Every structure is written in structure tokens, then in C-alpha cells.
Amino acid sequence: MCKRKRCRNKDCGVLFVPCRQVPGQEYCSRKECQQARKREWNRKKLASDPDYKEARKEAQKRWKEKNPNYWKEYRVRHPEYTRKNRKQQKRRNRKRRQNPAMGKIVKTDELTQTKNVLTGRYRITPIDADKFVKTDECIVEIVAISSG
């Protein structure tokens, strides 16, 4: 008798019989569970493999260059999605204005304080209190001239 296992997908949790050809199988074969497995693998790979992360970034950059009007065309093709998204963003903006303790919408990996500026490349984004979307940025290289 094959030992059944509970699917690791938190939304699923069904019991399934793992495939003998897949040692350590933790997800059942449902499409949603396989997508969850792939997302988990991708998240771990991006966190642990800088080469993979860089390759993904380059691939996204090439795709963006080949498809410069994708999002503009997407919004034209999906007016209901666009309307709903704009309505939700207005609601989030209003909520942030009413509750300043929430802070501004910022990138989560943005530096907030450092005692010493480290030599390296940095992305600089202009700050505009009225805008929530990054509209312009440049990359600069900072080189330490002296330690004092």
C-alpha cells in the first residue's frame, strides 16, 4: 500500500499518493498546486543564485525593449481591469493621506540610514511627494576617495 501525503500547498492540503519517480514530492498534481510549487522554487532560486537573478533581470529588460507599449495596450484591451485598478489606487492614496503613520509608498529594499556610504553602484530615484509611481531614475557609481 502506498503511503499518502498531505499536499504542501496551504490552499489545498489534500492527501495524495506521491509519484515513485519524484522523490520528495510535496505538491499534488493539481494545476494550482504545481503553480505554487514553481513560485516557491523561483522565490528560493532568486534569493540564493545571483547569476539566475541577473539573467532574469536581463531577460525582463530585453522583453521590455521588444514590447515597449505592452502595458499601454493591455490597459486599452482590459478597460474593466484598468478602471478597477485606478479606483483601488485612489482608495489606497486617500487612506495614506488620512493616516500619515502609514508612510509613503516606497521600495522595501530602499536604504533608510547608513553611517558610511559604501563604494558601489546605486539607483537614484527623484522624490516627489505627490507621486506614488517611479517615473524616472538613474544609476550612479560612488567611489570612496578617502576614508576620512
N, C-alpha and C. Protein backbone atom coordinates (compact mmCIF):
# COMPACT_ATOMS: atom_id res chain seq x y z
N MET A 1 0.85 -1.19 0.00
CA MET A 1 0.00 0.00 0.00
C MET A 1 0.89 1.24 0.00
N CYS A 2 0.58 2.21 -0.85
CA CYS A 2 1.36 3.44 -0.96
C CYS A 2 0.98 4.39 0.17
N LYS A 3 2.00 5.02 0.72
CA LYS A 3 1.76 5.97 1.80
C LYS A 3 1.29 7.30 1.20
N ARG A 4 0.19 7.81 1.72
CA ARG A 4 -0.35 9.07 1.23
C ARG A 4 0.29 10.22 1.99
N LYS A 5 0.34 11.35 1.33
CA LYS A 5 1.00 12.52 1.90
C LYS A 5 0.06 13.72 1.72
N ARG A 6 0.15 14.67 2.63
CA ARG A 6 -0.67 15.88 2.53
C ARG A 6 0.04 16.88 1.64
N CYS A 7 -0.70 17.49 0.70
CA CYS A 7 -0.15 18.48 -0.22
C CYS A 7 0.32 19.70 0.57
N ARG A 8 1.51 20.20 0.22
CA ARG A 8 2.10 21.33 0.95
C ARG A 8 1.43 22.66 0.62
N ASN A 9 0.71 22.73 -0.48
CA ASN A 9 0.02 23.97 -0.85
C ASN A 9 -1.00 24.30 0.24
N LYS A 10 -0.83 25.45 0.88
CA LYS A 10 -1.69 25.79 2.02
C LYS A 10 -3.16 25.90 1.64
N ASP A 11 -3.45 26.18 0.37
CA ASP A 11 -4.84 26.29 -0.06
C ASP A 11 -5.45 24.93 -0.38
N CYS A 12 -4.60 23.94 -0.56
CA CYS A 12 -5.08 22.62 -0.98
C CYS A 12 -5.13 21.67 0.22
N GLY A 13 -3.97 21.19 0.65
CA GLY A 13 -3.89 20.30 1.80
C GLY A 13 -4.50 18.93 1.61
N VAL A 14 -4.83 18.52 0.38
CA VAL A 14 -5.44 17.20 0.17
C VAL A 14 -4.39 16.10 0.31
N LEU A 15 -4.85 14.91 0.60
CA LEU A 15 -3.96 13.77 0.65
C LEU A 15 -3.76 13.25 -0.77
N PHE A 16 -2.51 12.91 -1.11
CA PHE A 16 -2.23 12.37 -2.43
C PHE A 16 -1.15 11.30 -2.31
N VAL A 17 -1.06 10.47 -3.33
CA VAL A 17 -0.03 9.44 -3.37
C VAL A 17 1.12 9.99 -4.19
N PRO A 18 2.29 10.19 -3.56
CA PRO A 18 3.43 10.72 -4.32
C PRO A 18 3.85 9.77 -5.44
N CYS A 19 4.34 10.34 -6.51
CA CYS A 19 4.81 9.58 -7.66
C CYS A 19 6.16 8.95 -7.31
N ARG A 20 6.34 7.67 -7.59
CA ARG A 20 7.59 6.99 -7.26
C ARG A 20 8.79 7.62 -7.96
N GLN A 21 8.58 8.20 -9.14
CA GLN A 21 9.67 8.78 -9.91
C GLN A 21 10.08 10.16 -9.40
N VAL A 22 9.35 10.71 -8.44
CA VAL A 22 9.64 12.05 -7.92
C VAL A 22 9.92 11.96 -6.43
N PRO A 23 11.18 11.68 -6.07
CA PRO A 23 11.50 11.59 -4.64
C PRO A 23 11.29 12.92 -3.94
N GLY A 24 10.71 12.90 -2.77
CA GLY A 24 10.49 14.12 -2.00
C GLY A 24 9.33 14.97 -2.52
N GLN A 25 8.45 14.42 -3.32
CA GLN A 25 7.32 15.18 -3.87
C GLN A 25 6.47 15.72 -2.73
N GLU A 26 6.20 17.03 -2.76
CA GLU A 26 5.43 17.66 -1.68
C GLU A 26 4.14 18.30 -2.16
N TYR A 27 3.97 18.39 -3.47
CA TYR A 27 2.77 19.02 -4.03
C TYR A 27 2.02 18.00 -4.86
N CYS A 28 0.69 18.08 -4.81
CA CYS A 28 -0.12 17.19 -5.64
C CYS A 28 -0.08 17.69 -7.08
N SER A 29 -0.76 17.01 -7.98
CA SER A 29 -0.66 17.33 -9.40
C SER A 29 -1.66 18.40 -9.88
N ARG A 30 -2.49 18.90 -8.97
CA ARG A 30 -3.43 19.95 -9.38
C ARG A 30 -2.68 21.14 -9.97
N LYS A 31 -3.24 21.79 -10.97
CA LYS A 31 -2.59 22.91 -11.64
C LYS A 31 -2.19 24.01 -10.65
N GLU A 32 -3.09 24.37 -9.73
CA GLU A 32 -2.83 25.42 -8.76
C GLU A 32 -1.66 25.05 -7.86
N CYS A 33 -1.58 23.78 -7.48
CA CYS A 33 -0.50 23.33 -6.60
C CYS A 33 0.83 23.32 -7.33
N GLN A 34 0.82 22.94 -8.60
CA GLN A 34 2.05 22.97 -9.39
C GLN A 34 2.53 24.40 -9.60
N GLN A 35 1.60 25.32 -9.77
CA GLN A 35 1.98 26.74 -9.89
C GLN A 35 2.58 27.23 -8.58
N ALA A 36 2.01 26.81 -7.45
CA ALA A 36 2.55 27.19 -6.14
C ALA A 36 3.95 26.62 -5.97
N ARG A 37 4.17 25.38 -6.41
CA ARG A 37 5.49 24.75 -6.33
C ARG A 37 6.50 25.54 -7.15
N LYS A 38 6.11 25.93 -8.36
CA LYS A 38 7.02 26.69 -9.23
C LYS A 38 7.33 28.07 -8.64
N ARG A 39 6.32 28.72 -8.07
CA ARG A 39 6.55 30.03 -7.43
C ARG A 39 7.54 29.90 -6.28
N GLU A 40 7.37 28.85 -5.47
CA GLU A 40 8.26 28.62 -4.33
C GLU A 40 9.69 28.35 -4.81
N TRP A 41 9.84 27.52 -5.84
CA TRP A 41 11.16 27.24 -6.38
C TRP A 41 11.81 28.52 -6.90
N ASN A 42 11.03 29.30 -7.63
CA ASN A 42 11.55 30.54 -8.22
C ASN A 42 11.96 31.53 -7.13
N ARG A 43 11.17 31.66 -6.08
CA ARG A 43 11.48 32.56 -4.97
C ARG A 43 12.81 32.16 -4.32
N LYS A 44 12.98 30.87 -4.06
CA LYS A 44 14.21 30.38 -3.44
C LYS A 44 15.41 30.56 -4.37
N LYS A 45 15.20 30.30 -5.65
CA LYS A 45 16.29 30.43 -6.63
C LYS A 45 16.74 31.88 -6.75
N LEU A 46 15.80 32.81 -6.79
CA LEU A 46 16.15 34.22 -6.87
C LEU A 46 16.91 34.68 -5.63
N ALA A 47 16.56 34.13 -4.47
CA ALA A 47 17.22 34.52 -3.22
C ALA A 47 18.60 33.92 -3.08
N SER A 48 18.83 32.77 -3.71
CA SER A 48 20.10 32.07 -3.47
C SER A 48 21.08 32.08 -4.64
N ASP A 49 20.64 32.48 -5.82
CA ASP A 49 21.51 32.39 -7.00
C ASP A 49 21.60 33.75 -7.71
N PRO A 50 22.67 34.52 -7.45
CA PRO A 50 22.79 35.84 -8.06
C PRO A 50 22.86 35.80 -9.59
N ASP A 51 23.44 34.73 -10.15
CA ASP A 51 23.51 34.61 -11.61
C ASP A 51 22.11 34.45 -12.21
N TYR A 52 21.30 33.63 -11.56
CA TYR A 52 19.92 33.43 -12.03
C TYR A 52 19.14 34.74 -11.94
N LYS A 53 19.33 35.45 -10.83
CA LYS A 53 18.64 36.72 -10.64
C LYS A 53 19.03 37.72 -11.72
N GLU A 54 20.32 37.80 -12.01
CA GLU A 54 20.81 38.72 -13.05
C GLU A 54 20.28 38.33 -14.43
N ALA A 55 20.27 37.03 -14.72
CA ALA A 55 19.75 36.54 -16.01
C ALA A 55 18.27 36.89 -16.16
N ARG A 56 17.52 36.73 -15.08
CA ARG A 56 16.09 37.09 -15.11
C ARG A 56 15.90 38.58 -15.39
N LYS A 57 16.73 39.39 -14.71
CA LYS A 57 16.64 40.83 -14.87
C LYS A 57 16.95 41.22 -16.33
N GLU A 58 17.98 40.61 -16.91
CA GLU A 58 18.35 40.88 -18.30
C GLU A 58 17.25 40.43 -19.26
N ALA A 59 16.67 39.27 -19.00
CA ALA A 59 15.59 38.76 -19.85
C ALA A 59 14.38 39.71 -19.80
N GLN A 60 14.06 40.21 -18.61
CA GLN A 60 12.94 41.14 -18.48
C GLN A 60 13.24 42.44 -19.21
N LYS A 61 14.49 42.89 -19.14
CA LYS A 61 14.89 44.11 -19.83
C LYS A 61 14.74 43.94 -21.34
N ARG A 62 15.21 42.80 -21.87
CA ARG A 62 15.09 42.54 -23.32
C ARG A 62 13.62 42.48 -23.73
N TRP A 63 12.79 41.81 -22.91
CA TRP A 63 11.37 41.71 -23.23
C TRP A 63 10.74 43.10 -23.27
N LYS A 64 11.09 43.92 -22.28
CA LYS A 64 10.55 45.28 -22.21
C LYS A 64 10.95 46.10 -23.43
N GLU A 65 12.20 45.94 -23.88
CA GLU A 65 12.66 46.64 -25.08
C GLU A 65 11.90 46.18 -26.33
N LYS A 66 11.58 44.89 -26.41
CA LYS A 66 10.85 44.35 -27.56
C LYS A 66 9.36 44.70 -27.51
N ASN A 67 8.84 44.95 -26.32
CA ASN A 67 7.40 45.21 -26.14
C ASN A 67 7.19 46.53 -25.39
N PRO A 68 7.64 47.66 -25.94
CA PRO A 68 7.59 48.92 -25.19
C PRO A 68 6.18 49.41 -24.87
N ASN A 69 5.20 49.03 -25.65
CA ASN A 69 3.83 49.53 -25.44
C ASN A 69 2.91 48.49 -24.82
N TYR A 70 3.48 47.42 -24.28
CA TYR A 70 2.66 46.33 -23.78
C TYR A 70 1.61 46.80 -22.77
N TRP A 71 2.06 47.51 -21.72
CA TRP A 71 1.11 47.89 -20.67
C TRP A 71 0.09 48.90 -21.15
N LYS A 72 0.49 49.78 -22.03
CA LYS A 72 -0.46 50.74 -22.59
C LYS A 72 -1.54 50.00 -23.38
N GLU A 73 -1.11 49.04 -24.20
CA GLU A 73 -2.06 48.25 -24.99
C GLU A 73 -2.90 47.35 -24.09
N TYR A 74 -2.30 46.81 -23.05
CA TYR A 74 -3.04 45.96 -22.11
C TYR A 74 -4.18 46.74 -21.49
N ARG A 75 -3.90 47.97 -21.05
CA ARG A 75 -4.96 48.79 -20.44
C ARG A 75 -6.07 49.10 -21.43
N VAL A 76 -5.72 49.28 -22.70
CA VAL A 76 -6.74 49.53 -23.73
C VAL A 76 -7.59 48.28 -23.92
N ARG A 77 -6.95 47.10 -23.93
CA ARG A 77 -7.68 45.84 -24.14
C ARG A 77 -8.48 45.39 -22.92
N HIS A 78 -8.12 45.89 -21.74
CA HIS A 78 -8.79 45.47 -20.50
C HIS A 78 -9.30 46.69 -19.72
N PRO A 79 -10.29 47.38 -20.26
CA PRO A 79 -10.75 48.61 -19.61
C PRO A 79 -11.35 48.38 -18.22
N GLU A 80 -11.99 47.25 -18.01
CA GLU A 80 -12.59 46.98 -16.70
C GLU A 80 -11.50 46.80 -15.64
N TYR A 81 -10.45 46.07 -15.99
CA TYR A 81 -9.32 45.89 -15.08
C TYR A 81 -8.69 47.25 -14.75
N THR A 82 -8.50 48.06 -15.79
CA THR A 82 -7.89 49.38 -15.62
C THR A 82 -8.74 50.26 -14.70
N ARG A 83 -10.04 50.26 -14.93
CA ARG A 83 -10.94 51.07 -14.10
C ARG A 83 -10.88 50.62 -12.65
N LYS A 84 -10.94 49.31 -12.44
CA LYS A 84 -10.91 48.76 -11.08
C LYS A 84 -9.58 49.09 -10.40
N ASN A 85 -8.47 48.95 -11.11
CA ASN A 85 -7.16 49.21 -10.54
C ASN A 85 -7.01 50.69 -10.16
N ARG A 86 -7.46 51.58 -11.02
CA ARG A 86 -7.37 53.02 -10.72
C ARG A 86 -8.23 53.38 -9.51
N LYS A 87 -9.39 52.77 -9.43
CA LYS A 87 -10.28 53.01 -8.29
C LYS A 87 -9.62 52.53 -6.99
N GLN A 88 -9.00 51.35 -7.02
CA GLN A 88 -8.32 50.83 -5.83
C GLN A 88 -7.13 51.71 -5.46
N GLN A 89 -6.39 52.21 -6.46
CA GLN A 89 -5.23 53.06 -6.15
C GLN A 89 -5.68 54.37 -5.54
N LYS A 90 -6.78 54.95 -6.02
CA LYS A 90 -7.31 56.17 -5.42
C LYS A 90 -7.68 55.93 -3.96
N ARG A 91 -8.27 54.77 -3.70
CA ARG A 91 -8.65 54.41 -2.33
C ARG A 91 -7.39 54.29 -1.46
N ARG A 92 -6.35 53.62 -1.96
CA ARG A 92 -5.10 53.49 -1.19
C ARG A 92 -4.46 54.85 -0.95
N ASN A 93 -4.45 55.72 -1.98
CA ASN A 93 -3.87 57.06 -1.83
C ASN A 93 -4.61 57.86 -0.76
N ARG A 94 -5.95 57.81 -0.80
CA ARG A 94 -6.78 58.52 0.18
C ARG A 94 -6.49 58.01 1.60
N LYS A 95 -6.38 56.69 1.73
CA LYS A 95 -6.11 56.08 3.02
C LYS A 95 -4.75 56.53 3.56
N ARG A 96 -3.76 56.63 2.70
CA ARG A 96 -2.43 57.09 3.12
C ARG A 96 -2.43 58.56 3.52
N ARG A 97 -3.20 59.37 2.80
CA ARG A 97 -3.28 60.79 3.18
C ARG A 97 -3.96 60.97 4.52
N GLN A 98 -4.96 60.14 4.81
CA GLN A 98 -5.69 60.24 6.07
C GLN A 98 -4.90 59.67 7.24
N ASN A 99 -3.95 58.78 6.96
CA ASN A 99 -3.17 58.15 8.02
C ASN A 99 -1.67 58.29 7.70
N PRO A 100 -1.07 59.44 8.06
CA PRO A 100 0.34 59.67 7.75
C PRO A 100 1.29 58.65 8.37
N ALA A 101 0.86 57.98 9.42
CA ALA A 101 1.71 56.98 10.06
C ALA A 101 1.99 55.80 9.13
N MET A 102 1.16 55.61 8.12
CA MET A 102 1.37 54.53 7.16
C MET A 102 2.62 54.79 6.33
N GLY A 103 3.00 56.04 6.23
CA GLY A 103 4.18 56.37 5.45
C GLY A 103 3.89 56.40 3.96
N LYS A 104 4.93 56.71 3.21
CA LYS A 104 4.78 56.79 1.77
C LYS A 104 4.97 55.41 1.15
N ILE A 105 4.52 55.28 -0.08
CA ILE A 105 4.75 54.04 -0.81
C ILE A 105 6.20 54.07 -1.25
N VAL A 106 6.97 53.12 -0.77
CA VAL A 106 8.40 53.08 -1.11
C VAL A 106 8.80 51.65 -1.43
N LYS A 107 9.96 51.54 -2.06
CA LYS A 107 10.51 50.22 -2.31
C LYS A 107 10.97 49.65 -0.98
N THR A 108 10.73 48.37 -0.76
CA THR A 108 11.06 47.76 0.52
C THR A 108 12.55 47.58 0.72
N ASP A 109 13.33 47.58 -0.35
CA ASP A 109 14.77 47.39 -0.19
C ASP A 109 15.54 48.70 -0.23
N GLU A 110 14.82 49.81 -0.13
CA GLU A 110 15.45 51.12 -0.17
C GLU A 110 16.24 51.36 1.12
N LEU A 111 17.44 51.94 1.01
CA LEU A 111 18.23 52.25 2.20
C LEU A 111 17.57 53.40 2.96
N THR A 112 17.48 53.28 4.28
CA THR A 112 16.90 54.35 5.08
C THR A 112 17.98 55.09 5.87
N GLN A 113 18.98 54.40 6.38
CA GLN A 113 20.05 55.04 7.13
C GLN A 113 21.33 54.26 6.90
N THR A 114 22.42 54.99 6.76
CA THR A 114 23.73 54.34 6.76
C THR A 114 24.71 55.30 7.38
N LYS A 115 25.65 54.78 8.16
CA LYS A 115 26.68 55.62 8.74
C LYS A 115 27.75 55.94 7.71
N ASN A 116 28.11 54.95 6.92
CA ASN A 116 29.13 55.13 5.90
C ASN A 116 28.53 54.78 4.54
N VAL A 117 28.78 55.61 3.56
CA VAL A 117 28.34 55.30 2.20
C VAL A 117 29.32 54.30 1.64
N LEU A 118 28.82 53.20 1.14
CA LEU A 118 29.67 52.16 0.60
C LEU A 118 29.94 52.42 -0.88
N THR A 119 31.16 52.11 -1.30
CA THR A 119 31.50 52.20 -2.71
C THR A 119 30.64 51.20 -3.47
N GLY A 120 30.14 51.61 -4.62
CA GLY A 120 29.34 50.71 -5.42
C GLY A 120 28.39 51.47 -6.32
N ARG A 121 27.51 50.73 -6.95
CA ARG A 121 26.51 51.33 -7.84
C ARG A 121 25.20 51.48 -7.08
N TYR A 122 24.55 52.62 -7.31
CA TYR A 122 23.29 52.91 -6.64
C TYR A 122 22.27 53.41 -7.65
N ARG A 123 21.03 53.10 -7.40
CA ARG A 123 19.93 53.60 -8.22
C ARG A 123 19.36 54.81 -7.49
N ILE A 124 19.30 55.93 -8.18
CA ILE A 124 18.78 57.16 -7.59
C ILE A 124 17.44 57.47 -8.24
N THR A 125 16.44 57.67 -7.41
CA THR A 125 15.11 57.99 -7.89
C THR A 125 14.67 59.32 -7.31
N PRO A 126 14.26 60.28 -8.15
CA PRO A 126 13.80 61.56 -7.61
C PRO A 126 12.58 61.35 -6.71
N ILE A 127 12.52 62.13 -5.65
CA ILE A 127 11.40 62.03 -4.71
C ILE A 127 10.41 63.14 -5.03
N ASP A 128 9.16 62.75 -5.20
CA ASP A 128 8.09 63.70 -5.43
C ASP A 128 6.94 63.27 -4.53
N ALA A 129 6.63 64.08 -3.55
CA ALA A 129 5.63 63.71 -2.53
C ALA A 129 4.26 63.42 -3.12
N ASP A 130 3.95 64.00 -4.28
CA ASP A 130 2.62 63.80 -4.86
C ASP A 130 2.52 62.57 -5.74
N LYS A 131 3.66 61.97 -6.09
CA LYS A 131 3.63 60.82 -6.99
C LYS A 131 3.94 59.55 -6.22
N PHE A 132 3.25 58.49 -6.57
CA PHE A 132 3.46 57.21 -5.93
C PHE A 132 4.15 56.23 -6.86
N VAL A 133 4.32 56.63 -8.11
CA VAL A 133 4.90 55.74 -9.11
C VAL A 133 6.26 56.26 -9.50
N LYS A 134 7.23 55.36 -9.61
CA LYS A 134 8.57 55.71 -10.02
C LYS A 134 8.51 56.11 -11.50
N THR A 135 8.88 57.36 -11.81
CA THR A 135 8.79 57.82 -13.18
C THR A 135 10.15 58.02 -13.82
N ASP A 136 11.19 58.20 -13.02
CA ASP A 136 12.50 58.47 -13.58
C ASP A 136 13.55 58.00 -12.58
N GLU A 137 14.64 57.49 -13.09
CA GLU A 137 15.71 57.08 -12.22
C GLU A 137 17.01 57.06 -12.99
N CYS A 138 18.12 57.09 -12.28
CA CYS A 138 19.41 56.95 -12.92
C CYS A 138 20.29 56.10 -12.02
N ILE A 139 21.30 55.50 -12.61
CA ILE A 139 22.23 54.67 -11.86
C ILE A 139 23.56 55.41 -11.80
N VAL A 140 24.11 55.53 -10.59
CA VAL A 140 25.38 56.22 -10.40
C VAL A 140 26.36 55.27 -9.71
N GLU A 141 27.63 55.55 -9.88
CA GLU A 141 28.65 54.77 -9.19
C GLU A 141 29.35 55.70 -8.21
N ILE A 142 29.41 55.28 -6.95
CA ILE A 142 30.05 56.06 -5.91
C ILE A 142 31.37 55.37 -5.57
N VAL A 143 32.45 56.15 -5.62
CA VAL A 143 33.77 55.62 -5.32
C VAL A 143 34.35 56.42 -4.16
N ALA A 144 34.79 55.72 -3.13
CA ALA A 144 35.39 56.39 -1.97
C ALA A 144 36.75 56.93 -2.35
N ILE A 145 36.99 58.22 -2.10
CA ILE A 145 38.27 58.85 -2.41
C ILE A 145 39.19 58.74 -1.19
N SER A 146 38.62 58.97 -0.01
CA SER A 146 39.40 58.81 1.22
C SER A 146 38.48 58.30 2.30
N SER A 147 39.06 57.72 3.33
CA SER A 147 38.24 57.16 4.41
C SER A 147 37.97 58.18 5.51
N GLY A 148 38.50 59.37 5.39
CA GLY A 148 38.33 60.39 6.44
C GLY A 148 37.52 61.47 5.95
